[in-house]
Amino acid sequence: MKKNDPYTRDDQTRFTMRINTELLEKIRADAEKNKRSTAKQIEYVLEQYILSLPNE
């Protein structure tokens, strides 16, 4: 799904979102504790949420 974006790997998709400032600051702080970027922390949290869902 390459859209002429030289910075995004073939297995990734660029995604932009708006997020509450206070929530983002909490995510940033958590990311720093876990030595992750903010984007990777958001990805990790989303992955953990998806894994916690019951299998269909």
N, C-alpha and C. Protein backbone atom coordinates (compact mmCIF):
# COMPACT_ATOMS: atom_id res chain seq x y z
N MET A 1 0.84 -1.19 0.00
CA MET A 1 0.00 0.00 0.00
C MET A 1 0.88 1.24 0.00
N LYS A 2 1.81 1.28 -0.89
CA LYS A 2 2.73 2.41 -0.98
C LYS A 2 2.08 3.55 -1.75
N LYS A 3 2.10 4.73 -1.19
CA LYS A 3 1.49 5.90 -1.83
C LYS A 3 2.55 6.96 -2.07
N ASN A 4 3.67 6.56 -2.69
CA ASN A 4 4.75 7.50 -2.98
C ASN A 4 5.28 8.19 -1.73
N ASP A 5 5.34 7.47 -0.62
CA ASP A 5 5.86 8.01 0.62
C ASP A 5 7.18 7.30 0.93
N PRO A 6 8.30 7.95 0.70
CA PRO A 6 9.59 7.28 0.89
C PRO A 6 9.93 7.02 2.36
N TYR A 7 9.18 7.58 3.29
CA TYR A 7 9.50 7.44 4.70
C TYR A 7 8.70 6.35 5.40
N THR A 8 7.73 5.78 4.73
CA THR A 8 6.88 4.76 5.33
C THR A 8 7.20 3.41 4.71
N ARG A 9 7.50 2.43 5.58
CA ARG A 9 7.80 1.08 5.10
C ARG A 9 6.57 0.47 4.45
N ASP A 10 6.79 -0.56 3.65
CA ASP A 10 5.69 -1.21 2.94
C ASP A 10 4.68 -1.86 3.90
N ASP A 11 5.14 -2.26 5.09
CA ASP A 11 4.25 -2.92 6.05
C ASP A 11 3.58 -1.93 7.00
N GLN A 12 3.68 -0.65 6.71
CA GLN A 12 3.10 0.38 7.56
C GLN A 12 2.21 1.30 6.74
N THR A 13 1.29 1.97 7.43
CA THR A 13 0.42 2.97 6.82
C THR A 13 0.50 4.24 7.65
N ARG A 14 0.71 5.35 6.99
CA ARG A 14 0.74 6.64 7.69
C ARG A 14 -0.68 7.01 8.07
N PHE A 15 -0.87 7.49 9.30
CA PHE A 15 -2.20 7.80 9.82
C PHE A 15 -2.10 9.04 10.69
N THR A 16 -2.95 10.03 10.44
CA THR A 16 -2.98 11.25 11.22
C THR A 16 -4.25 11.29 12.05
N MET A 17 -4.14 11.75 13.30
CA MET A 17 -5.32 11.84 14.15
C MET A 17 -5.24 13.04 15.07
N ARG A 18 -6.38 13.47 15.55
CA ARG A 18 -6.44 14.51 16.57
C ARG A 18 -6.64 13.80 17.90
N ILE A 19 -6.00 14.32 18.95
CA ILE A 19 -6.08 13.67 20.25
C ILE A 19 -6.10 14.75 21.33
N ASN A 20 -6.82 14.49 22.39
CA ASN A 20 -6.90 15.40 23.52
C ASN A 20 -5.50 15.67 24.06
N THR A 21 -5.18 16.92 24.31
CA THR A 21 -3.83 17.31 24.74
C THR A 21 -3.43 16.65 26.05
N GLU A 22 -4.32 16.61 27.01
CA GLU A 22 -3.99 15.98 28.30
C GLU A 22 -3.72 14.50 28.14
N LEU A 23 -4.50 13.83 27.30
CA LEU A 23 -4.28 12.40 27.04
C LEU A 23 -2.94 12.19 26.37
N LEU A 24 -2.61 13.03 25.39
CA LEU A 24 -1.33 12.90 24.70
C LEU A 24 -0.16 13.08 25.66
N GLU A 25 -0.27 14.02 26.58
CA GLU A 25 0.81 14.23 27.56
C GLU A 25 1.00 13.00 28.44
N LYS A 26 -0.10 12.35 28.82
CA LYS A 26 -0.01 11.12 29.62
C LYS A 26 0.65 10.00 28.82
N ILE A 27 0.29 9.91 27.54
CA ILE A 27 0.90 8.90 26.68
C ILE A 27 2.38 9.18 26.50
N ARG A 28 2.74 10.45 26.32
CA ARG A 28 4.16 10.82 26.18
C ARG A 28 4.96 10.43 27.41
N ALA A 29 4.39 10.70 28.58
CA ALA A 29 5.08 10.36 29.83
C ALA A 29 5.26 8.85 29.95
N ASP A 30 4.22 8.10 29.61
CA ASP A 30 4.30 6.64 29.66
C ASP A 30 5.31 6.12 28.64
N ALA A 31 5.33 6.72 27.47
CA ALA A 31 6.27 6.32 26.42
C ALA A 31 7.71 6.54 26.90
N GLU A 32 7.95 7.65 27.54
CA GLU A 32 9.29 7.94 28.04
C GLU A 32 9.73 6.90 29.07
N LYS A 33 8.82 6.53 29.97
CA LYS A 33 9.12 5.50 30.97
C LYS A 33 9.48 4.17 30.32
N ASN A 34 8.84 3.89 29.19
CA ASN A 34 9.04 2.62 28.49
C ASN A 34 10.07 2.71 27.36
N LYS A 35 10.74 3.86 27.27
CA LYS A 35 11.77 4.10 26.26
C LYS A 35 11.23 3.85 24.85
N ARG A 36 10.03 4.37 24.60
CA ARG A 36 9.41 4.29 23.28
C ARG A 36 9.10 5.70 22.80
N SER A 37 8.93 5.84 21.50
CA SER A 37 8.42 7.11 20.98
C SER A 37 6.94 7.17 21.32
N THR A 38 6.37 8.35 21.24
CA THR A 38 4.94 8.51 21.50
C THR A 38 4.13 7.68 20.50
N ALA A 39 4.53 7.71 19.23
CA ALA A 39 3.81 6.94 18.21
C ALA A 39 3.86 5.44 18.51
N LYS A 40 5.03 4.94 18.90
CA LYS A 40 5.16 3.51 19.21
C LYS A 40 4.38 3.16 20.47
N GLN A 41 4.28 4.08 21.41
CA GLN A 41 3.49 3.83 22.62
C GLN A 41 2.01 3.71 22.26
N ILE A 42 1.54 4.59 21.40
CA ILE A 42 0.14 4.52 20.95
C ILE A 42 -0.10 3.20 20.23
N GLU A 43 0.83 2.80 19.36
CA GLU A 43 0.71 1.53 18.64
C GLU A 43 0.68 0.36 19.63
N TYR A 44 1.55 0.39 20.64
CA TYR A 44 1.60 -0.67 21.65
C TYR A 44 0.27 -0.76 22.42
N VAL A 45 -0.24 0.37 22.85
CA VAL A 45 -1.50 0.39 23.60
C VAL A 45 -2.64 -0.17 22.74
N LEU A 46 -2.68 0.22 21.49
CA LEU A 46 -3.72 -0.29 20.59
C LEU A 46 -3.57 -1.80 20.38
N GLU A 47 -2.35 -2.27 20.20
CA GLU A 47 -2.13 -3.71 20.03
C GLU A 47 -2.58 -4.48 21.26
N GLN A 48 -2.24 -3.97 22.46
CA GLN A 48 -2.64 -4.64 23.69
C GLN A 48 -4.16 -4.68 23.82
N TYR A 49 -4.82 -3.60 23.44
CA TYR A 49 -6.27 -3.56 23.48
C TYR A 49 -6.87 -4.61 22.54
N ILE A 50 -6.36 -4.66 21.31
CA ILE A 50 -6.88 -5.62 20.33
C ILE A 50 -6.65 -7.05 20.82
N LEU A 51 -5.50 -7.32 21.39
CA LEU A 51 -5.22 -8.66 21.91
C LEU A 51 -6.12 -9.04 23.08
N SER A 52 -6.61 -8.04 23.81
CA SER A 52 -7.47 -8.32 24.96
C SER A 52 -8.92 -8.61 24.57
N LEU A 53 -9.28 -8.31 23.32
CA LEU A 53 -10.64 -8.54 22.87
C LEU A 53 -10.90 -10.04 22.70
N PRO A 54 -12.11 -10.47 22.97
CA PRO A 54 -12.40 -11.90 22.77
C PRO A 54 -12.29 -12.25 21.28
N ASN A 55 -11.80 -13.43 21.01
CA ASN A 55 -11.69 -13.89 19.61
C ASN A 55 -13.07 -14.13 19.04
N GLU A 56 -13.24 -13.73 17.81
CA GLU A 56 -14.54 -13.96 17.15
C GLU A 56 -14.49 -15.15 16.26
